[in-house]
Amino acid sequence: MSATYSTPKFMLSLAKLAKENRVSNKEVKAKKAAKAQRVKDIHRQHKIATQMDKELTKLEKIAAKEETKQAKIQAKEDAKQAKIQAKEAKILAKAEAKEAKILAKAEEKEAAKQAKIEAKEAAKLAKIEAKEAAKLAKAEEKAAAKLAKAEEKAEEKAAAKQAKIQAKEDAKQAKLDEYSNSVYVKEAAKQAKAEAKAEAKAEAKAQAKAQAKLAKKAKSEERTDIIRTICENLGQPSNAADVSVEVTA
């Protein structure tokens, strides 16, 4: 009795897959060589990178050393510069202090000079003012004397007029006394008395007006004298004809 064997389906599939993926010995060697080359290249690149890292570290150390050296040089230079600047600042401060001292001394001297000039001017002005005050007092005294004289003259004139009026009144009164028993005379006396009173009133008014006029004239002359004195002191023309003064009563 003979036995029949059949190949399983999965074996057939594996065989088919192995056939499809079958690689020749040459290709395998080529792949291995390529892989070895890649490994070799990686090792070479790693070696180069290590060498470059060493060189970089060495350069960094050199740069750090150079930087430290440069920093020391710069610090030394800065210290030197600072010392020079401090010395220059000290010299400048000394020069400025000296200049300020000279300036203060000059200002003090100028202030003293100015104070002396001002004191001299003040004394001169005080002297002028005293002189002006004396002249003004003299002018006022003169004007007052003139006014008093004018008033005295006016009073004398008024007294003479009053005496004349009184004499006239006495004469009228005497005449009236002679005819005191007559009614007509009494009426005449009354009329005469009224007239005399009116005349006396008018005379008194005229006298007061004359006195006011004289007082106004005296005051005008006083002001003219004062203005003339001031004009003379100021160096202006002192002619009374050139001075116009208006006095308001």
C-alpha atoms as a PDB file:
ATOM      1  CA  MET A   1       0.000   0.000   0.000  1.00  0.00           C
ATOM      2  CA  SER A   2       1.572   3.236  -1.038  1.00  0.00           C
ATOM      3  CA  ALA A   3       1.258   6.502   1.026  1.00  0.00           C
ATOM      4  CA  THR A   4       0.674   9.936  -0.571  1.00  0.00           C
ATOM      5  CA  TYR A   5       2.233  13.031   1.097  1.00  0.00           C
ATOM      6  CA  SER A   6       1.067  16.585   0.352  1.00  0.00           C
ATOM      7  CA  THR A   7       3.048  19.746   1.177  1.00  0.00           C
ATOM      8  CA  PRO A   8       1.262  22.132   3.563  1.00  0.00           C
ATOM      9  CA  LYS A   9       0.069  25.347   2.076  1.00  0.00           C
ATOM     10  CA  PHE A  10       2.091  27.557   4.454  1.00  0.00           C
ATOM     11  CA  MET A  11       5.269  25.751   3.407  1.00  0.00           C
ATOM     12  CA  LEU A  12       4.464  26.411  -0.178  1.00  0.00           C
ATOM     13  CA  SER A  13       3.924  30.117   0.688  1.00  0.00           C
ATOM     14  CA  LEU A  14       7.245  30.277   2.553  1.00  0.00           C
ATOM     15  CA  ALA A  15       9.020  28.618  -0.342  1.00  0.00           C
ATOM     16  CA  LYS A  16       7.502  31.089  -2.744  1.00  0.00           C
ATOM     17  CA  LEU A  17       8.499  34.004  -0.478  1.00  0.00           C
ATOM     18  CA  ALA A  18      12.044  32.616  -0.121  1.00  0.00           C
ATOM     19  CA  LYS A  19      12.292  32.312  -3.864  1.00  0.00           C
ATOM     20  CA  GLU A  20      11.170  35.881  -4.351  1.00  0.00           C
ATOM     21  CA  ASN A  21      13.627  37.172  -1.725  1.00  0.00           C
ATOM     22  CA  ARG A  22      16.528  35.026  -2.714  1.00  0.00           C
ATOM     23  CA  VAL A  23      19.716  37.068  -2.960  1.00  0.00           C
ATOM     24  CA  SER A  24      22.833  36.072  -4.731  1.00  0.00           C
ATOM     25  CA  ASN A  25      26.100  35.553  -2.864  1.00  0.00           C
ATOM     26  CA  LYS A  26      27.611  38.483  -4.685  1.00  0.00           C
ATOM     27  CA  GLU A  27      24.947  40.864  -3.503  1.00  0.00           C
ATOM     28  CA  VAL A  28      25.376  39.669   0.076  1.00  0.00           C
ATOM     29  CA  LYS A  29      29.106  40.316  -0.088  1.00  0.00           C
ATOM     30  CA  ALA A  30      28.456  43.754  -1.582  1.00  0.00           C
ATOM     31  CA  LYS A  31      26.042  44.616   1.209  1.00  0.00           C
ATOM     32  CA  LYS A  32      28.507  43.405   3.852  1.00  0.00           C
ATOM     33  CA  ALA A  33      31.282  45.453   2.272  1.00  0.00           C
ATOM     34  CA  ALA A  34      29.027  48.508   2.172  1.00  0.00           C
ATOM     35  CA  LYS A  35      28.103  47.989   5.791  1.00  0.00           C
ATOM     36  CA  ALA A  36      31.757  47.604   6.766  1.00  0.00           C
ATOM     37  CA  GLN A  37      32.574  50.761   4.846  1.00  0.00           C
ATOM     38  CA  ARG A  38      29.786  52.607   6.640  1.00  0.00           C
ATOM     39  CA  VAL A  39      31.145  51.424  10.000  1.00  0.00           C
ATOM     40  CA  LYS A  40      34.631  52.473   8.929  1.00  0.00           C
ATOM     41  CA  ASP A  41      33.332  55.872   7.835  1.00  0.00           C
ATOM     42  CA  ILE A  42      31.477  56.313  11.142  1.00  0.00           C
ATOM     43  CA  HIS A  43      34.661  55.440  13.081  1.00  0.00           C
ATOM     44  CA  ARG A  44      36.662  57.869  10.946  1.00  0.00           C
ATOM     45  CA  GLN A  45      34.077  60.620  11.424  1.00  0.00           C
ATOM     46  CA  HIS A  46      34.019  59.924  15.162  1.00  0.00           C
ATOM     47  CA  LYS A  47      37.814  60.122  15.277  1.00  0.00           C
ATOM     48  CA  ILE A  48      37.746  63.396  13.316  1.00  0.00           C
ATOM     49  CA  ALA A  49      35.032  64.755  15.647  1.00  0.00           C
ATOM     50  CA  THR A  50      37.080  63.738  18.715  1.00  0.00           C
ATOM     51  CA  GLN A  51      40.172  65.359  17.210  1.00  0.00           C
ATOM     52  CA  MET A  52      38.188  68.506  16.404  1.00  0.00           C
ATOM     53  CA  ASP A  53      36.781  68.530  19.940  1.00  0.00           C
ATOM     54  CA  LYS A  54      40.283  68.326  21.352  1.00  0.00           C
ATOM     55  CA  GLU A  55      41.454  71.119  19.036  1.00  0.00           C
ATOM     56  CA  LEU A  56      38.412  73.218  19.952  1.00  0.00           C
ATOM     57  CA  THR A  57      39.042  72.651  23.665  1.00  0.00           C
ATOM     58  CA  LYS A  58      42.673  73.601  23.158  1.00  0.00           C
ATOM     59  CA  LEU A  59      41.645  76.737  21.235  1.00  0.00           C
ATOM     60  CA  GLU A  60      39.105  77.600  23.944  1.00  0.00           C
ATOM     61  CA  LYS A  61      41.797  77.267  26.614  1.00  0.00           C
ATOM     62  CA  ILE A  62      44.118  79.462  24.555  1.00  0.00           C
ATOM     63  CA  ALA A  63      41.314  82.005  24.020  1.00  0.00           C
ATOM     64  CA  ALA A  64      40.449  81.985  27.739  1.00  0.00           C
ATOM     65  CA  LYS A  65      44.106  82.427  28.618  1.00  0.00           C
ATOM     66  CA  GLU A  66      44.404  85.255  26.061  1.00  0.00           C
ATOM     67  CA  GLU A  67      41.184  86.837  27.351  1.00  0.00           C
ATOM     68  CA  THR A  68      42.472  86.690  30.943  1.00  0.00           C
ATOM     69  CA  LYS A  69      45.744  88.209  29.788  1.00  0.00           C
ATOM     70  CA  GLN A  70      43.905  90.900  27.829  1.00  0.00           C
ATOM     71  CA  ALA A  71      41.611  91.582  30.821  1.00  0.00           C
ATOM     72  CA  LYS A  72      44.677  92.024  33.045  1.00  0.00           C
ATOM     73  CA  ILE A  73      46.255  94.357  30.495  1.00  0.00           C
ATOM     74  CA  GLN A  74      42.964  96.289  30.180  1.00  0.00           C
ATOM     75  CA  ALA A  75      42.575  96.470  33.972  1.00  0.00           C
ATOM     76  CA  LYS A  76      46.146  97.735  34.254  1.00  0.00           C
ATOM     77  CA  GLU A  77      45.463 100.265  31.490  1.00  0.00           C
ATOM     78  CA  ASP A  78      42.171 101.317  33.141  1.00  0.00           C
ATOM     79  CA  ALA A  79      43.920 101.766  36.482  1.00  0.00           C
ATOM     80  CA  LYS A  80      46.617 103.811  34.796  1.00  0.00           C
ATOM     81  CA  GLN A  81      43.997 105.904  32.977  1.00  0.00           C
ATOM     82  CA  ALA A  82      42.010 106.351  36.196  1.00  0.00           C
ATOM     83  CA  LYS A  83      45.152 107.502  37.965  1.00  0.00           C
ATOM     84  CA  ILE A  84      45.877 109.988  35.142  1.00  0.00           C
ATOM     85  CA  GLN A  85      42.273 111.231  35.215  1.00  0.00           C
ATOM     86  CA  ALA A  86      42.374 111.565  39.012  1.00  0.00           C
ATOM     87  CA  LYS A  87      45.597 113.537  38.728  1.00  0.00           C
ATOM     88  CA  GLU A  88      44.102 115.750  35.997  1.00  0.00           C
ATOM     89  CA  ALA A  89      40.915 116.212  38.052  1.00  0.00           C
ATOM     90  CA  LYS A  90      43.013 117.224  41.062  1.00  0.00           C
ATOM     91  CA  ILE A  91      44.955 119.734  38.941  1.00  0.00           C
ATOM     92  CA  LEU A  92      41.709 121.046  37.440  1.00  0.00           C
ATOM     93  CA  ALA A  93      40.065 121.333  40.873  1.00  0.00           C
ATOM     94  CA  LYS A  94      43.093 123.189  42.182  1.00  0.00           C
ATOM     95  CA  ALA A  95      43.016 125.540  39.173  1.00  0.00           C
ATOM     96  CA  GLU A  96      39.263 126.096  39.577  1.00  0.00           C
ATOM     97  CA  ALA A  97      39.690 126.788  43.314  1.00  0.00           C
ATOM     98  CA  LYS A  98      42.437 129.279  42.529  1.00  0.00           C
ATOM     99  CA  GLU A  99      40.282 130.907  39.827  1.00  0.00           C
ATOM    100  CA  ALA A 100      37.294 131.044  42.205  1.00  0.00           C
ATOM    101  CA  LYS A 101      39.464 132.647  44.884  1.00  0.00           C
ATOM    102  CA  ILE A 102      40.727 135.262  42.408  1.00  0.00           C
ATOM    103  CA  LEU A 103      37.189 135.894  41.170  1.00  0.00           C
ATOM    104  CA  ALA A 104      35.819 136.202  44.728  1.00  0.00           C
ATOM    105  CA  LYS A 105      38.596 138.630  45.610  1.00  0.00           C
ATOM    106  CA  ALA A 106      37.883 140.670  42.468  1.00  0.00           C
ATOM    107  CA  GLU A 107      34.151 140.688  43.213  1.00  0.00           C
ATOM    108  CA  GLU A 108      34.808 141.736  46.818  1.00  0.00           C
ATOM    109  CA  LYS A 109      37.077 144.524  45.611  1.00  0.00           C
ATOM    110  CA  GLU A 110      34.468 145.631  43.032  1.00  0.00           C
ATOM    111  CA  ALA A 111      31.705 145.529  45.680  1.00  0.00           C
ATOM    112  CA  ALA A 112      33.805 147.652  48.051  1.00  0.00           C
ATOM    113  CA  LYS A 113      34.517 150.094  45.228  1.00  0.00           C
ATOM    114  CA  GLN A 114      30.828 150.264  44.305  1.00  0.00           C
ATOM    115  CA  ALA A 115      29.845 150.766  47.959  1.00  0.00           C
ATOM    116  CA  LYS A 116      32.351 153.607  48.229  1.00  0.00           C
ATOM    117  CA  ILE A 117      30.979 155.239  45.063  1.00  0.00           C
ATOM    118  CA  GLU A 118      27.402 154.829  46.304  1.00  0.00           C
ATOM    119  CA  ALA A 119      28.316 156.321  49.707  1.00  0.00           C
ATOM    120  CA  LYS A 120      29.979 159.251  47.965  1.00  0.00           C
ATOM    121  CA  GLU A 121      26.943 159.762  45.708  1.00  0.00           C
ATOM    122  CA  ALA A 122      24.607 159.505  48.714  1.00  0.00           C
ATOM    123  CA  ALA A 123      26.636 162.123  50.596  1.00  0.00           C
ATOM    124  CA  LYS A 124      26.641 164.373  47.544  1.00  0.00           C
ATOM    125  CA  LEU A 125      22.892 163.944  47.105  1.00  0.00           C
ATOM    126  CA  ALA A 126      22.277 164.613  50.809  1.00  0.00           C
ATOM    127  CA  LYS A 127      24.346 167.806  50.548  1.00  0.00           C
ATOM    128  CA  ILE A 128      22.372 168.941  47.474  1.00  0.00           C
ATOM    129  CA  GLU A 129      19.080 168.117  49.188  1.00  0.00           C
ATOM    130  CA  ALA A 130      20.124 170.054  52.291  1.00  0.00           C
ATOM    131  CA  LYS A 131      21.085 173.009  50.125  1.00  0.00           C
ATOM    132  CA  GLU A 132      17.783 172.788  48.242  1.00  0.00           C
ATOM    133  CA  ALA A 133      15.859 172.552  51.523  1.00  0.00           C
ATOM    134  CA  ALA A 134      17.668 175.634  52.857  1.00  0.00           C
ATOM    135  CA  LYS A 135      16.927 177.573  49.659  1.00  0.00           C
ATOM    136  CA  LEU A 136      13.305 176.457  49.718  1.00  0.00           C
ATOM    137  CA  ALA A 137      12.957 177.453  53.392  1.00  0.00           C
ATOM    138  CA  LYS A 138      14.497 180.834  52.597  1.00  0.00           C
ATOM    139  CA  ALA A 139      12.127 181.296  49.660  1.00  0.00           C
ATOM    140  CA  GLU A 140       9.153 180.332  51.796  1.00  0.00           C
ATOM    141  CA  GLU A 141      10.287 182.722  54.524  1.00  0.00           C
ATOM    142  CA  LYS A 142      10.640 185.510  51.969  1.00  0.00           C
ATOM    143  CA  ALA A 143       7.222 184.743  50.500  1.00  0.00           C
ATOM    144  CA  ALA A 144       5.676 184.649  53.986  1.00  0.00           C
ATOM    145  CA  ALA A 145       7.248 188.027  54.804  1.00  0.00           C
ATOM    146  CA  LYS A 146       5.955 189.448  51.536  1.00  0.00           C
ATOM    147  CA  LEU A 147       2.498 188.056  52.224  1.00  0.00           C
ATOM    148  CA  ALA A 148       2.511 189.484  55.758  1.00  0.00           C
ATOM    149  CA  LYS A 149       3.568 192.876  54.407  1.00  0.00           C
ATOM    150  CA  ALA A 150       0.805 192.762  51.781  1.00  0.00           C
ATOM    151  CA  GLU A 151      -1.746 191.805  54.415  1.00  0.00           C
ATOM    152  CA  GLU A 152      -0.532 194.589  56.712  1.00  0.00           C
ATOM    153  CA  LYS A 153      -0.789 197.102  53.874  1.00  0.00           C
ATOM    154  CA  ALA A 154      -4.287 195.849  53.026  1.00  0.00           C
ATOM    155  CA  GLU A 155      -5.303 196.119  56.674  1.00  0.00           C
ATOM    156  CA  GLU A 156      -3.935 199.666  56.877  1.00  0.00           C
ATOM    157  CA  LYS A 157      -5.807 200.618  53.726  1.00  0.00           C
ATOM    158  CA  ALA A 158      -8.969 198.998  55.030  1.00  0.00           C
ATOM    159  CA  ALA A 159      -8.552 200.766  58.367  1.00  0.00           C
ATOM    160  CA  ALA A 160      -8.129 204.135  56.586  1.00  0.00           C
ATOM    161  CA  LYS A 161     -11.260 203.478  54.546  1.00  0.00           C
ATOM    162  CA  GLN A 162     -13.124 202.443  57.664  1.00  0.00           C
ATOM    163  CA  ALA A 163     -11.965 205.593  59.467  1.00  0.00           C
ATOM    164  CA  LYS A 164     -13.151 207.673  56.511  1.00  0.00           C
ATOM    165  CA  ILE A 165     -16.493 205.897  56.531  1.00  0.00           C
ATOM    166  CA  GLN A 166     -16.745 206.333  60.295  1.00  0.00           C
ATOM    167  CA  ALA A 167     -15.962 210.042  59.966  1.00  0.00           C
ATOM    168  CA  LYS A 168     -18.640 210.336  57.331  1.00  0.00           C
ATOM    169  CA  GLU A 169     -21.049 208.468  59.551  1.00  0.00           C
ATOM    170  CA  ASP A 170     -20.178 210.692  62.502  1.00  0.00           C
ATOM    171  CA  ALA A 171     -20.818 213.767  60.397  1.00  0.00           C
ATOM    172  CA  LYS A 172     -24.140 212.391  59.260  1.00  0.00           C
ATOM    173  CA  GLN A 173     -25.009 211.439  62.792  1.00  0.00           C
ATOM    174  CA  ALA A 174     -24.123 214.919  64.017  1.00  0.00           C
ATOM    175  CA  LYS A 175     -26.312 216.420  61.361  1.00  0.00           C
ATOM    176  CA  LEU A 176     -29.088 214.071  62.284  1.00  0.00           C
ATOM    177  CA  ASP A 177     -28.673 214.947  65.920  1.00  0.00           C
ATOM    178  CA  GLU A 178     -29.286 218.622  65.109  1.00  0.00           C
ATOM    179  CA  TYR A 179     -32.700 217.763  63.676  1.00  0.00           C
ATOM    180  CA  SER A 180     -33.604 214.912  65.996  1.00  0.00           C
ATOM    181  CA  ASN A 181     -36.938 216.597  66.971  1.00  0.00           C
ATOM    182  CA  SER A 182     -38.236 216.674  63.428  1.00  0.00           C
ATOM    183  CA  VAL A 183     -40.187 213.685  62.098  1.00  0.00           C
ATOM    184  CA  TYR A 184     -38.818 214.355  58.684  1.00  0.00           C
ATOM    185  CA  VAL A 185     -35.341 214.407  60.134  1.00  0.00           C
ATOM    186  CA  LYS A 186     -35.991 211.141  61.906  1.00  0.00           C
ATOM    187  CA  GLU A 187     -37.088 209.533  58.681  1.00  0.00           C
ATOM    188  CA  ALA A 188     -34.077 210.999  56.940  1.00  0.00           C
ATOM    189  CA  ALA A 189     -31.859 209.670  59.702  1.00  0.00           C
ATOM    190  CA  LYS A 190     -33.427 206.254  59.329  1.00  0.00           C
ATOM    191  CA  GLN A 191     -32.896 206.355  55.574  1.00  0.00           C
ATOM    192  CA  ALA A 192     -29.370 207.647  56.005  1.00  0.00           C
ATOM    193  CA  LYS A 193     -28.609 204.903  58.518  1.00  0.00           C
ATOM    194  CA  ALA A 194     -29.912 202.265  56.117  1.00  0.00           C
ATOM    195  CA  GLU A 195     -27.820 203.724  53.322  1.00  0.00           C
ATOM    196  CA  ALA A 196     -24.792 203.915  55.588  1.00  0.00           C
ATOM    197  CA  LYS A 197     -25.289 200.275  56.570  1.00  0.00           C
ATOM    198  CA  ALA A 198     -25.607 199.217  52.935  1.00  0.00           C
ATOM    199  CA  GLU A 199     -22.560 201.304  52.036  1.00  0.00           C
ATOM    200  CA  ALA A 200     -20.591 199.836  54.958  1.00  0.00           C
ATOM    201  CA  LYS A 201     -21.601 196.337  53.857  1.00  0.00           C
ATOM    202  CA  ALA A 202     -20.560 197.037  50.263  1.00  0.00           C
ATOM    203  CA  GLU A 203     -17.310 198.565  51.489  1.00  0.00           C
ATOM    204  CA  ALA A 204     -16.600 195.576  53.719  1.00  0.00           C
ATOM    205  CA  LYS A 205     -17.292 193.244  50.777  1.00  0.00           C
ATOM    206  CA  ALA A 206     -14.992 195.288  48.535  1.00  0.00           C
ATOM    207  CA  GLN A 207     -12.338 195.262  51.280  1.00  0.00           C
ATOM    208  CA  ALA A 208     -12.605 191.487  51.677  1.00  0.00           C
ATOM    209  CA  LYS A 209     -12.331 191.084  47.896  1.00  0.00           C
ATOM    210  CA  ALA A 210      -9.277 193.376  47.837  1.00  0.00           C
ATOM    211  CA  GLN A 211      -7.658 191.413  50.673  1.00  0.00           C
ATOM    212  CA  ALA A 212      -8.370 188.121  48.877  1.00  0.00           C
ATOM    213  CA  LYS A 213      -6.868 189.557  45.697  1.00  0.00           C
ATOM    214  CA  LEU A 214      -3.770 190.709  47.580  1.00  0.00           C
ATOM    215  CA  ALA A 215      -3.460 187.322  49.297  1.00  0.00           C
ATOM    216  CA  LYS A 216      -3.799 185.567  45.921  1.00  0.00           C
ATOM    217  CA  LYS A 217      -1.160 187.839  44.412  1.00  0.00           C
ATOM    218  CA  ALA A 218       1.179 187.261  47.370  1.00  0.00           C
ATOM    219  CA  LYS A 219       0.659 183.495  47.096  1.00  0.00           C
ATOM    220  CA  SER A 220       1.327 183.649  43.349  1.00  0.00           C
ATOM    221  CA  GLU A 221       4.532 185.603  43.978  1.00  0.00           C
ATOM    222  CA  GLU A 222       5.525 183.063  46.634  1.00  0.00           C
ATOM    223  CA  ARG A 223       5.016 180.161  44.218  1.00  0.00           C
ATOM    224  CA  THR A 224       6.897 182.093  41.510  1.00  0.00           C
ATOM    225  CA  ASP A 225       9.861 182.579  43.860  1.00  0.00           C
ATOM    226  CA  ILE A 226       9.829 178.895  44.807  1.00  0.00           C
ATOM    227  CA  ILE A 227       9.682 177.761  41.158  1.00  0.00           C
ATOM    228  CA  ARG A 228      12.443 180.261  40.236  1.00  0.00           C
ATOM    229  CA  THR A 229      14.625 178.822  43.022  1.00  0.00           C
ATOM    230  CA  ILE A 230      13.996 175.248  41.858  1.00  0.00           C
ATOM    231  CA  CYS A 231      14.702 176.197  38.222  1.00  0.00           C
ATOM    232  CA  GLU A 232      17.983 177.855  39.273  1.00  0.00           C
ATOM    233  CA  ASN A 233      18.981 174.691  41.159  1.00  0.00           C
ATOM    234  CA  LEU A 234      18.125 172.544  38.152  1.00  0.00           C
ATOM    235  CA  GLY A 235      20.021 174.812  35.768  1.00  0.00           C
ATOM    236  CA  GLN A 236      16.851 176.073  34.022  1.00  0.00           C
ATOM    237  CA  PRO A 237      16.094 179.742  33.108  1.00  0.00           C
ATOM    238  CA  SER A 238      15.088 181.615  36.284  1.00  0.00           C
ATOM    239  CA  ASN A 239      13.476 184.724  34.677  1.00  0.00           C
ATOM    240  CA  ALA A 240      10.144 185.388  36.412  1.00  0.00           C
ATOM    241  CA  ALA A 241       8.638 186.388  33.078  1.00  0.00           C
ATOM    242  CA  ASP A 242       9.159 182.835  31.805  1.00  0.00           C
ATOM    243  CA  VAL A 243       7.376 181.261  34.828  1.00  0.00           C
ATOM    244  CA  SER A 244       3.608 180.967  34.695  1.00  0.00           C
ATOM    245  CA  VAL A 245       1.881 180.214  38.006  1.00  0.00           C
ATOM    246  CA  GLU A 246      -1.875 179.872  38.489  1.00  0.00           C
ATOM    247  CA  VAL A 247      -3.165 180.149  42.047  1.00  0.00           C
ATOM    248  CA  THR A 248      -6.634 178.883  42.844  1.00  0.00           C
ATOM    249  CA  ALA A 249      -8.243 180.595  45.827  1.00  0.00           C
END
